[in-house]
Amino acid sequence: HDYSNEKDNEIKQLNDQIKKLQEDYQQLE
């Protein structure tokens, strides 16, 4: 329920990770 089949949650986590990385990249630039 919480990991395997929660694709929306997984996508949200991935998007959060990507957003944070983009912010880090922009800050460094």
Full PDB file with SEQRES, HELIX, SHEET, SSBOND, CRYST1, ORIGX, SCALE, CONECT and MASTER records, all heavy atoms in Angstrom:
SEQRES   1 A   29  HIS ASP TYR SER ASN GLU LYS ASP ASN GLU ILE LYS GLN          
SEQRES   2 A   29  LEU ASN ASP GLN ILE LYS LYS LEU GLN GLU ASP TYR GLN          
SEQRES   3 A   29  GLN LEU GLU                                                  
HELIX    1 AA1 LYS A    7  LEU A   28  1                                  22    
CRYST1    1.000    1.000    1.000  90.00  90.00  90.00 P 1           1          
ORIGX1      1.000000  0.000000  0.000000        0.00000                         
ORIGX2      0.000000  1.000000  0.000000        0.00000                         
ORIGX3      0.000000  0.000000  1.000000        0.00000                         
SCALE1      1.000000  0.000000  0.000000        0.00000                         
SCALE2      0.000000  1.000000  0.000000        0.00000                         
SCALE3      0.000000  0.000000  1.000000        0.00000                         
ATOM      1  N   HIS A   1       0.818  -1.214   0.000  1.00  0.00           N  
ATOM      2  CA  HIS A   1       0.000   0.000   0.000  1.00  0.00           C  
ATOM      3  C   HIS A   1       0.852   1.263   0.000  1.00  0.00           C  
ATOM      4  O   HIS A   1       0.574   2.217  -0.732  1.00  0.00           O  
ATOM      5  CB  HIS A   1      -0.921   0.012   1.209  1.00  0.00           C  
ATOM      6  CG  HIS A   1      -1.780   1.250   1.294  1.00  0.00           C  
ATOM      7  ND1 HIS A   1      -1.390   2.392   1.954  1.00  0.00           N  
ATOM      8  CD2 HIS A   1      -3.008   1.513   0.771  1.00  0.00           C  
ATOM      9  CE1 HIS A   1      -2.321   3.321   1.833  1.00  0.00           C  
ATOM     10  NE2 HIS A   1      -3.322   2.810   1.121  1.00  0.00           N  
ATOM     11  N   ASP A   2       1.925   1.258   0.823  1.00  0.00           N  
ATOM     12  CA  ASP A   2       2.703   2.476   1.033  1.00  0.00           C  
ATOM     13  C   ASP A   2       3.871   2.647   0.066  1.00  0.00           C  
ATOM     14  O   ASP A   2       4.354   3.757  -0.130  1.00  0.00           O  
ATOM     15  CB  ASP A   2       3.243   2.511   2.461  1.00  0.00           C  
ATOM     16  CG  ASP A   2       2.133   2.616   3.499  1.00  0.00           C  
ATOM     17  OD1 ASP A   2       1.003   2.968   3.121  1.00  0.00           O  
ATOM     18  OD2 ASP A   2       2.390   2.316   4.680  1.00  0.00           O  
ATOM     19  N   TYR A   3       4.328   1.542  -0.531  1.00  0.00           N  
ATOM     20  CA  TYR A   3       5.498   1.609  -1.400  1.00  0.00           C  
ATOM     21  C   TYR A   3       5.246   1.097  -2.808  1.00  0.00           C  
ATOM     22  O   TYR A   3       5.379   1.828  -3.792  1.00  0.00           O  
ATOM     23  CB  TYR A   3       6.666   0.818  -0.794  1.00  0.00           C  
ATOM     24  CG  TYR A   3       7.410   1.555   0.283  1.00  0.00           C  
ATOM     25  CD1 TYR A   3       7.051   1.409   1.615  1.00  0.00           C  
ATOM     26  CD2 TYR A   3       8.476   2.394  -0.023  1.00  0.00           C  
ATOM     27  CE1 TYR A   3       7.737   2.078   2.614  1.00  0.00           C  
ATOM     28  CE2 TYR A   3       9.171   3.065   0.965  1.00  0.00           C  
ATOM     29  CZ  TYR A   3       8.805   2.915   2.276  1.00  0.00           C  
ATOM     30  OH  TYR A   3       9.477   3.583   3.257  1.00  0.00           O  
ATOM     31  N   SER A   4       4.880  -0.166  -2.906  1.00  0.00           N  
ATOM     32  CA  SER A   4       4.851  -0.821  -4.219  1.00  0.00           C  
ATOM     33  C   SER A   4       3.811  -0.276  -5.162  1.00  0.00           C  
ATOM     34  O   SER A   4       4.062  -0.075  -6.344  1.00  0.00           O  
ATOM     35  CB  SER A   4       4.632  -2.330  -4.054  1.00  0.00           C  
ATOM     36  OG  SER A   4       5.521  -2.876  -3.310  1.00  0.00           O  
ATOM     37  N   ASN A   5       2.610  -0.060  -4.638  1.00  0.00           N  
ATOM     38  CA  ASN A   5       1.504   0.315  -5.509  1.00  0.00           C  
ATOM     39  C   ASN A   5       1.158   1.783  -5.454  1.00  0.00           C  
ATOM     40  O   ASN A   5       0.235   2.220  -6.130  1.00  0.00           O  
ATOM     41  CB  ASN A   5       0.261  -0.521  -5.175  1.00  0.00           C  
ATOM     42  CG  ASN A   5       0.392  -1.947  -5.670  1.00  0.00           C  
ATOM     43  OD1 ASN A   5       1.235  -2.236  -6.508  1.00  0.00           O  
ATOM     44  ND2 ASN A   5      -0.440  -2.837  -5.158  1.00  0.00           N  
ATOM     45  N   GLU A   6       1.863   2.519  -4.613  1.00  0.00           N  
ATOM     46  CA  GLU A   6       1.567   3.947  -4.507  1.00  0.00           C  
ATOM     47  C   GLU A   6       2.389   4.725  -5.530  1.00  0.00           C  
ATOM     48  O   GLU A   6       3.331   5.432  -5.206  1.00  0.00           O  
ATOM     49  CB  GLU A   6       1.847   4.441  -3.082  1.00  0.00           C  
ATOM     50  CG  GLU A   6       0.805   4.014  -2.067  1.00  0.00           C  
ATOM     51  CD  GLU A   6      -0.550   4.693  -2.301  1.00  0.00           C  
ATOM     52  OE1 GLU A   6      -0.602   5.911  -2.362  1.00  0.00           O  
ATOM     53  OE2 GLU A   6      -1.531   3.966  -2.429  1.00  0.00           O  
ATOM     54  N   LYS A   7       2.046   4.550  -6.812  1.00  0.00           N  
ATOM     55  CA  LYS A   7       2.792   5.213  -7.863  1.00  0.00           C  
ATOM     56  C   LYS A   7       2.729   6.732  -7.745  1.00  0.00           C  
ATOM     57  O   LYS A   7       3.713   7.430  -8.000  1.00  0.00           O  
ATOM     58  CB  LYS A   7       2.259   4.786  -9.237  1.00  0.00           C  
ATOM     59  CG  LYS A   7       2.449   3.307  -9.546  1.00  0.00           C  
ATOM     60  CD  LYS A   7       3.918   2.937  -9.592  1.00  0.00           C  
ATOM     61  CE  LYS A   7       4.085   1.461  -9.958  1.00  0.00           C  
ATOM     62  NZ  LYS A   7       5.513   1.065  -9.955  1.00  0.00           N  
ATOM     63  N   ASP A   8       1.551   7.239  -7.357  1.00  0.00           N  
ATOM     64  CA  ASP A   8       1.419   8.686  -7.214  1.00  0.00           C  
ATOM     65  C   ASP A   8       2.372   9.220  -6.145  1.00  0.00           C  
ATOM     66  O   ASP A   8       3.000  10.265  -6.314  1.00  0.00           O  
ATOM     67  CB  ASP A   8      -0.018   9.060  -6.856  1.00  0.00           C  
ATOM     68  CG  ASP A   8      -0.980   8.810  -8.006  1.00  0.00           C  
ATOM     69  OD1 ASP A   8      -0.506   8.700  -9.167  1.00  0.00           O  
ATOM     70  OD2 ASP A   8      -2.204   8.732  -7.757  1.00  0.00           O  
ATOM     71  N   ASN A   9       2.484   8.473  -5.050  1.00  0.00           N  
ATOM     72  CA  ASN A   9       3.388   8.873  -3.978  1.00  0.00           C  
ATOM     73  C   ASN A   9       4.838   8.804  -4.431  1.00  0.00           C  
ATOM     74  O   ASN A   9       5.648   9.680  -4.130  1.00  0.00           O  
ATOM     75  CB  ASN A   9       3.169   7.981  -2.750  1.00  0.00           C  
ATOM     76  CG  ASN A   9       4.026   8.391  -1.556  1.00  0.00           C  
ATOM     77  OD1 ASN A   9       4.007   9.537  -1.138  1.00  0.00           O  
ATOM     78  ND2 ASN A   9       4.773   7.447  -1.014  1.00  0.00           N  
ATOM     79  N   GLU A  10       5.172   7.742  -5.169  1.00  0.00           N  
ATOM     80  CA  GLU A  10       6.524   7.592  -5.688  1.00  0.00           C  
ATOM     81  C   GLU A  10       6.874   8.736  -6.636  1.00  0.00           C  
ATOM     82  O   GLU A  10       7.964   9.305  -6.579  1.00  0.00           O  
ATOM     83  CB  GLU A  10       6.656   6.250  -6.406  1.00  0.00           C  
ATOM     84  CG  GLU A  10       8.071   5.976  -6.917  1.00  0.00           C  
ATOM     85  CD  GLU A  10       8.154   4.673  -7.681  1.00  0.00           C  
ATOM     86  OE1 GLU A  10       7.197   3.902  -7.659  1.00  0.00           O  
ATOM     87  OE2 GLU A  10       9.185   4.443  -8.315  1.00  0.00           O  
ATOM     88  N   ILE A  11       5.931   9.064  -7.533  1.00  0.00           N  
ATOM     89  CA  ILE A  11       6.147  10.157  -8.474  1.00  0.00           C  
ATOM     90  C   ILE A  11       6.327  11.481  -7.724  1.00  0.00           C  
ATOM     91  O   ILE A  11       7.189  12.291  -8.070  1.00  0.00           O  
ATOM     92  CB  ILE A  11       4.978  10.238  -9.473  1.00  0.00           C  
ATOM     93  CG1 ILE A  11       5.005   9.008 -10.393  1.00  0.00           C  
ATOM     94  CG2 ILE A  11       5.068  11.517 -10.301  1.00  0.00           C  
ATOM     95  CD1 ILE A  11       3.769   8.859 -11.250  1.00  0.00           C  
ATOM     96  N   LYS A  12       5.507  11.685  -6.685  1.00  0.00           N  
ATOM     97  CA  LYS A  12       5.615  12.896  -5.886  1.00  0.00           C  
ATOM     98  C   LYS A  12       6.994  12.982  -5.226  1.00  0.00           C  
ATOM     99  O   LYS A  12       7.635  14.038  -5.226  1.00  0.00           O  
ATOM    100  CB  LYS A  12       4.521  12.943  -4.811  1.00  0.00           C  
ATOM    101  CG  LYS A  12       4.569  14.205  -3.946  1.00  0.00           C  
ATOM    102  CD  LYS A  12       3.489  14.184  -2.878  1.00  0.00           C  
ATOM    103  CE  LYS A  12       3.540  15.447  -2.022  1.00  0.00           C  
ATOM    104  NZ  LYS A  12       4.876  15.641  -1.400  1.00  0.00           N  
ATOM    105  N   GLN A  13       7.461  11.847  -4.637  1.00  0.00           N  
ATOM    106  CA  GLN A  13       8.772  11.834  -4.006  1.00  0.00           C  
ATOM    107  C   GLN A  13       9.874  12.145  -5.011  1.00  0.00           C  
ATOM    108  O   GLN A  13      10.801  12.905  -4.722  1.00  0.00           O  
ATOM    109  CB  GLN A  13       9.016  10.476  -3.350  1.00  0.00           C  
ATOM    110  CG  GLN A  13       8.188  10.220  -2.103  1.00  0.00           C  
ATOM    111  CD  GLN A  13       8.519   8.891  -1.462  1.00  0.00           C  
ATOM    112  OE1 GLN A  13       9.189   8.054  -2.037  1.00  0.00           O  
ATOM    113  NE2 GLN A  13       8.045   8.688  -0.251  1.00  0.00           N  
ATOM    114  N   LEU A  14       9.767  11.547  -6.192  1.00  0.00           N  
ATOM    115  CA  LEU A  14      10.759  11.779  -7.235  1.00  0.00           C  
ATOM    116  C   LEU A  14      10.745  13.230  -7.683  1.00  0.00           C  
ATOM    117  O   LEU A  14      11.795  13.852  -7.851  1.00  0.00           O  
ATOM    118  CB  LEU A  14      10.500  10.850  -8.418  1.00  0.00           C  
ATOM    119  CG  LEU A  14      11.541  10.862  -9.554  1.00  0.00           C  
ATOM    120  CD1 LEU A  14      12.911  10.482  -9.029  1.00  0.00           C  
ATOM    121  CD2 LEU A  14      11.120   9.908 -10.675  1.00  0.00           C  
ATOM    122  N   ASN A  15       9.546  13.776  -7.862  1.00  0.00           N  
ATOM    123  CA  ASN A  15       9.427  15.183  -8.256  1.00  0.00           C  
ATOM    124  C   ASN A  15      10.006  16.114  -7.190  1.00  0.00           C  
ATOM    125  O   ASN A  15      10.641  17.121  -7.521  1.00  0.00           O  
ATOM    126  CB  ASN A  15       7.969  15.539  -8.537  1.00  0.00           C  
ATOM    127  CG  ASN A  15       7.471  14.980  -9.860  1.00  0.00           C  
ATOM    128  OD1 ASN A  15       8.257  14.737 -10.772  1.00  0.00           O  
ATOM    129  ND2 ASN A  15       6.175  14.776  -9.979  1.00  0.00           N  
ATOM    130  N   ASP A  16       9.761  15.779  -5.918  1.00  0.00           N  
ATOM    131  CA  ASP A  16      10.325  16.577  -4.823  1.00  0.00           C  
ATOM    132  C   ASP A  16      11.849  16.540  -4.877  1.00  0.00           C  
ATOM    133  O   ASP A  16      12.524  17.562  -4.677  1.00  0.00           O  
ATOM    134  CB  ASP A  16       9.837  16.056  -3.470  1.00  0.00           C  
ATOM    135  CG  ASP A  16       8.370  16.349  -3.216  1.00  0.00           C  
ATOM    136  OD1 ASP A  16       7.795  17.200  -3.927  1.00  0.00           O  
ATOM    137  OD2 ASP A  16       7.785  15.719  -2.306  1.00  0.00           O  
ATOM    138  N   GLN A  17      12.397  15.340  -5.135  1.00  0.00           N  
ATOM    139  CA  GLN A  17      13.843  15.180  -5.231  1.00  0.00           C  
ATOM    140  C   GLN A  17      14.406  15.987  -6.398  1.00  0.00           C  
ATOM    141  O   GLN A  17      15.439  16.661  -6.273  1.00  0.00           O  
ATOM    142  CB  GLN A  17      14.185  13.697  -5.375  1.00  0.00           C  
ATOM    143  CG  GLN A  17      15.657  13.366  -5.209  1.00  0.00           C  
ATOM    144  CD  GLN A  17      15.914  11.870  -5.246  1.00  0.00           C  
ATOM    145  OE1 GLN A  17      15.019  11.073  -5.480  1.00  0.00           O  
ATOM    146  NE2 GLN A  17      17.157  11.471  -5.024  1.00  0.00           N  
ATOM    147  N   ILE A  18      13.729  15.906  -7.539  1.00  0.00           N  
ATOM    148  CA  ILE A  18      14.162  16.650  -8.730  1.00  0.00           C  
ATOM    149  C   ILE A  18      14.105  18.152  -8.483  1.00  0.00           C  
ATOM    150  O   ILE A  18      15.026  18.896  -8.839  1.00  0.00           O  
ATOM    151  CB  ILE A  18      13.288  16.262  -9.933  1.00  0.00           C  
ATOM    152  CG1 ILE A  18      13.593  14.820 -10.350  1.00  0.00           C  
ATOM    153  CG2 ILE A  18      13.530  17.211 -11.112  1.00  0.00           C  
ATOM    154  CD1 ILE A  18      12.581  14.254 -11.309  1.00  0.00           C  
ATOM    155  N   LYS A  19      13.019  18.613  -7.867  1.00  0.00           N  
ATOM    156  CA  LYS A  19      12.877  20.036  -7.559  1.00  0.00           C  
ATOM    157  C   LYS A  19      14.010  20.519  -6.673  1.00  0.00           C  
ATOM    158  O   LYS A  19      14.567  21.593  -6.890  1.00  0.00           O  
ATOM    159  CB  LYS A  19      11.521  20.284  -6.883  1.00  0.00           C  
ATOM    160  CG  LYS A  19      11.259  21.748  -6.581  1.00  0.00           C  
ATOM    161  CD  LYS A  19       9.903  21.933  -5.911  1.00  0.00           C  
ATOM    162  CE  LYS A  19       9.660  23.403  -5.564  1.00  0.00           C  
ATOM    163  NZ  LYS A  19       8.355  23.590  -4.878  1.00  0.00           N  
ATOM    164  N   LYS A  20      14.348  19.706  -5.665  1.00  0.00           N  
ATOM    165  CA  LYS A  20      15.428  20.082  -4.756  1.00  0.00           C  
ATOM    166  C   LYS A  20      16.762  20.136  -5.496  1.00  0.00           C  
ATOM    167  O   LYS A  20      17.570  21.057  -5.284  1.00  0.00           O  
ATOM    168  CB  LYS A  20      15.507  19.081  -3.596  1.00  0.00           C  
ATOM    169  CG  LYS A  20      16.579  19.463  -2.554  1.00  0.00           C  
ATOM    170  CD  LYS A  20      16.147  20.736  -1.846  1.00  0.00           C  
ATOM    171  CE  LYS A  20      17.186  21.245  -0.879  1.00  0.00           C  
ATOM    172  NZ  LYS A  20      18.384  21.756  -1.546  1.00  0.00           N  
ATOM    173  N   LEU A  21      17.008  19.169  -6.364  1.00  0.00           N  
ATOM    174  CA  LEU A  21      18.251  19.170  -7.130  1.00  0.00           C  
ATOM    175  C   LEU A  21      18.335  20.390  -8.042  1.00  0.00           C  
ATOM    176  O   LEU A  21      19.389  21.019  -8.158  1.00  0.00           O  
ATOM    177  CB  LEU A  21      18.367  17.893  -7.958  1.00  0.00           C  
ATOM    178  CG  LEU A  21      18.930  16.658  -7.249  1.00  0.00           C  
ATOM    179  CD1 LEU A  21      18.959  15.479  -8.189  1.00  0.00           C  
ATOM    180  CD2 LEU A  21      20.318  16.928  -6.709  1.00  0.00           C  
ATOM    181  N   GLN A  22      17.216  20.709  -8.685  1.00  0.00           N  
ATOM    182  CA  GLN A  22      17.200  21.894  -9.551  1.00  0.00           C  
ATOM    183  C   GLN A  22      17.527  23.149  -8.757  1.00  0.00           C  
ATOM    184  O   GLN A  22      18.262  24.018  -9.227  1.00  0.00           O  
ATOM    185  CB  GLN A  22      15.838  22.029 -10.235  1.00  0.00           C  
ATOM    186  CG  GLN A  22      15.611  21.032 -11.366  1.00  0.00           C  
ATOM    187  CD  GLN A  22      14.263  21.252 -12.031  1.00  0.00           C  
ATOM    188  OE1 GLN A  22      13.214  21.028 -11.437  1.00  0.00           O  
ATOM    189  NE2 GLN A  22      14.279  21.703 -13.262  1.00  0.00           N  
ATOM    190  N   GLU A  23      16.962  23.246  -7.564  1.00  0.00           N  
ATOM    191  CA  GLU A  23      17.241  24.399  -6.704  1.00  0.00           C  
ATOM    192  C   GLU A  23      18.720  24.457  -6.341  1.00  0.00           C  
ATOM    193  O   GLU A  23      19.331  25.532  -6.337  1.00  0.00           O  
ATOM    194  CB  GLU A  23      16.378  24.331  -5.439  1.00  0.00           C  
ATOM    195  CG  GLU A  23      14.896  24.561  -5.683  1.00  0.00           C  
ATOM    196  CD  GLU A  23      14.059  24.311  -4.434  1.00  0.00           C  
ATOM    197  OE1 GLU A  23      14.632  23.845  -3.414  1.00  0.00           O  
ATOM    198  OE2 GLU A  23      12.838  24.574  -4.476  1.00  0.00           O  
ATOM    199  N   ASP A  24      19.294  23.261  -6.036  1.00  0.00           N  
ATOM    200  CA  ASP A  24      20.718  23.212  -5.712  1.00  0.00           C  
ATOM    201  C   ASP A  24      21.571  23.644  -6.911  1.00  0.00           C  
ATOM    202  O   ASP A  24      22.529  24.403  -6.762  1.00  0.00           O  
ATOM    203  CB  ASP A  24      21.116  21.799  -5.268  1.00  0.00           C  
ATOM    204  CG  ASP A  24      20.541  21.415  -3.920  1.00  0.00           C  
ATOM    205  OD1 ASP A  24      20.232  22.332  -3.138  1.00  0.00           O  
ATOM    206  OD2 ASP A  24      20.377  20.215  -3.653  1.00  0.00           O  
ATOM    207  N   TYR A  25      21.209  23.130  -8.075  1.00  0.00           N  
ATOM    208  CA  TYR A  25      21.950  23.503  -9.287  1.00  0.00           C  
ATOM    209  C   TYR A  25      21.863  25.003  -9.542  1.00  0.00           C  
ATOM    210  O   TYR A  25      22.859  25.661  -9.854  1.00  0.00           O  
ATOM    211  CB  TYR A  25      21.395  22.760 -10.505  1.00  0.00           C  
ATOM    212  CG  TYR A  25      21.603  21.259 -10.500  1.00  0.00           C  
ATOM    213  CD1 TYR A  25      20.781  20.427 -11.256  1.00  0.00           C  
ATOM    214  CD2 TYR A  25      22.626  20.674  -9.762  1.00  0.00           C  
ATOM    215  CE1 TYR A  25      20.970  19.055 -11.282  1.00  0.00           C  
ATOM    216  CE2 TYR A  25      22.816  19.302  -9.762  1.00  0.00           C  
ATOM    217  CZ  TYR A  25      21.978  18.493 -10.532  1.00  0.00           C  
ATOM    218  OH  TYR A  25      22.167  17.140 -10.563  1.00  0.00           O  
ATOM    219  N   GLN A  26      20.662  25.567  -9.425  1.00  0.00           N  
ATOM    220  CA  GLN A  26      20.472  26.989  -9.666  1.00  0.00           C  
ATOM    221  C   GLN A  26      21.235  27.838  -8.658  1.00  0.00           C  
ATOM    222  O   GLN A  26      21.813  28.868  -9.004  1.00  0.00           O  
ATOM    223  CB  GLN A  26      18.977  27.323  -9.644  1.00  0.00           C  
ATOM    224  CG  GLN A  26      18.211  26.770 -10.841  1.00  0.00           C  
ATOM    225  CD  GLN A  26      16.716  26.850 -10.679  1.00  0.00           C  
ATOM    226  OE1 GLN A  26      16.211  27.288  -9.634  1.00  0.00           O  
ATOM    227  NE2 GLN A  26      15.967  26.398 -11.676  1.00  0.00           N  
ATOM    228  N   GLN A  27      21.239  27.371  -7.393  1.00  0.00           N  
ATOM    229  CA  GLN A  27      21.972  28.086  -6.365  1.00  0.00           C  
ATOM    230  C   GLN A  27      23.473  28.093  -6.664  1.00  0.00           C  
ATOM    231  O   GLN A  27      24.144  29.120  -6.537  1.00  0.00           O  
ATOM    232  CB  GLN A  27      21.718  27.467  -4.992  1.00  0.00           C  
ATOM    233  CG  GLN A  27      22.400  28.220  -3.845  1.00  0.00           C  
ATOM    234  CD  GLN A  27      22.119  27.601  -2.491  1.00  0.00           C  
ATOM    235  OE1 GLN A  27      21.479  26.572  -2.390  1.00  0.00           O  
ATOM    236  NE2 GLN A  27      22.599  28.209  -1.429  1.00  0.00           N  
ATOM    237  N   LEU A  28      24.000  26.928  -7.064  1.00  0.00           N  
ATOM    238  CA  LEU A  28      25.407  26.845  -7.404  1.00  0.00           C  
ATOM    239  C   LEU A  28      25.741  27.749  -8.591  1.00  0.00           C  
ATOM    240  O   LEU A  28      26.765  28.422  -8.607  1.00  0.00           O  
ATOM    241  CB  LEU A  28      25.792  25.401  -7.723  1.00  0.00           C  
ATOM    242  CG  LEU A  28      25.897  24.438  -6.532  1.00  0.00           C  
ATOM    243  CD1 LEU A  28      26.101  23.016  -7.011  1.00  0.00           C  
ATOM    244  CD2 LEU A  28      27.029  24.843  -5.605  1.00  0.00           C  
ATOM    245  N   GLU A  29      24.877  27.753  -9.604  1.00  0.00           N  
ATOM    246  CA  GLU A  29      25.094  28.593 -10.772  1.00  0.00           C  
ATOM    247  C   GLU A  29      25.036  30.075 -10.397  1.00  0.00           C  
ATOM    248  O   GLU A  29      25.825  30.884 -10.902  1.00  0.00           O  
ATOM    249  CB  GLU A  29      24.058  28.269 -11.844  1.00  0.00           C  
ATOM    250  CG  GLU A  29      24.325  28.921 -13.202  1.00  0.00           C  
ATOM    251  CD  GLU A  29      25.579  28.415 -13.875  1.00  0.00           C  
ATOM    252  OE1 GLU A  29      26.186  27.438 -13.377  1.00  0.00           O  
ATOM    253  OE2 GLU A  29      25.979  28.993 -14.891  1.00  0.00           O  
TER     254      GLU A  29                                                      
MASTER        0    0    0    1    0    0    0    6  253    1    0    3          
END                                                                             
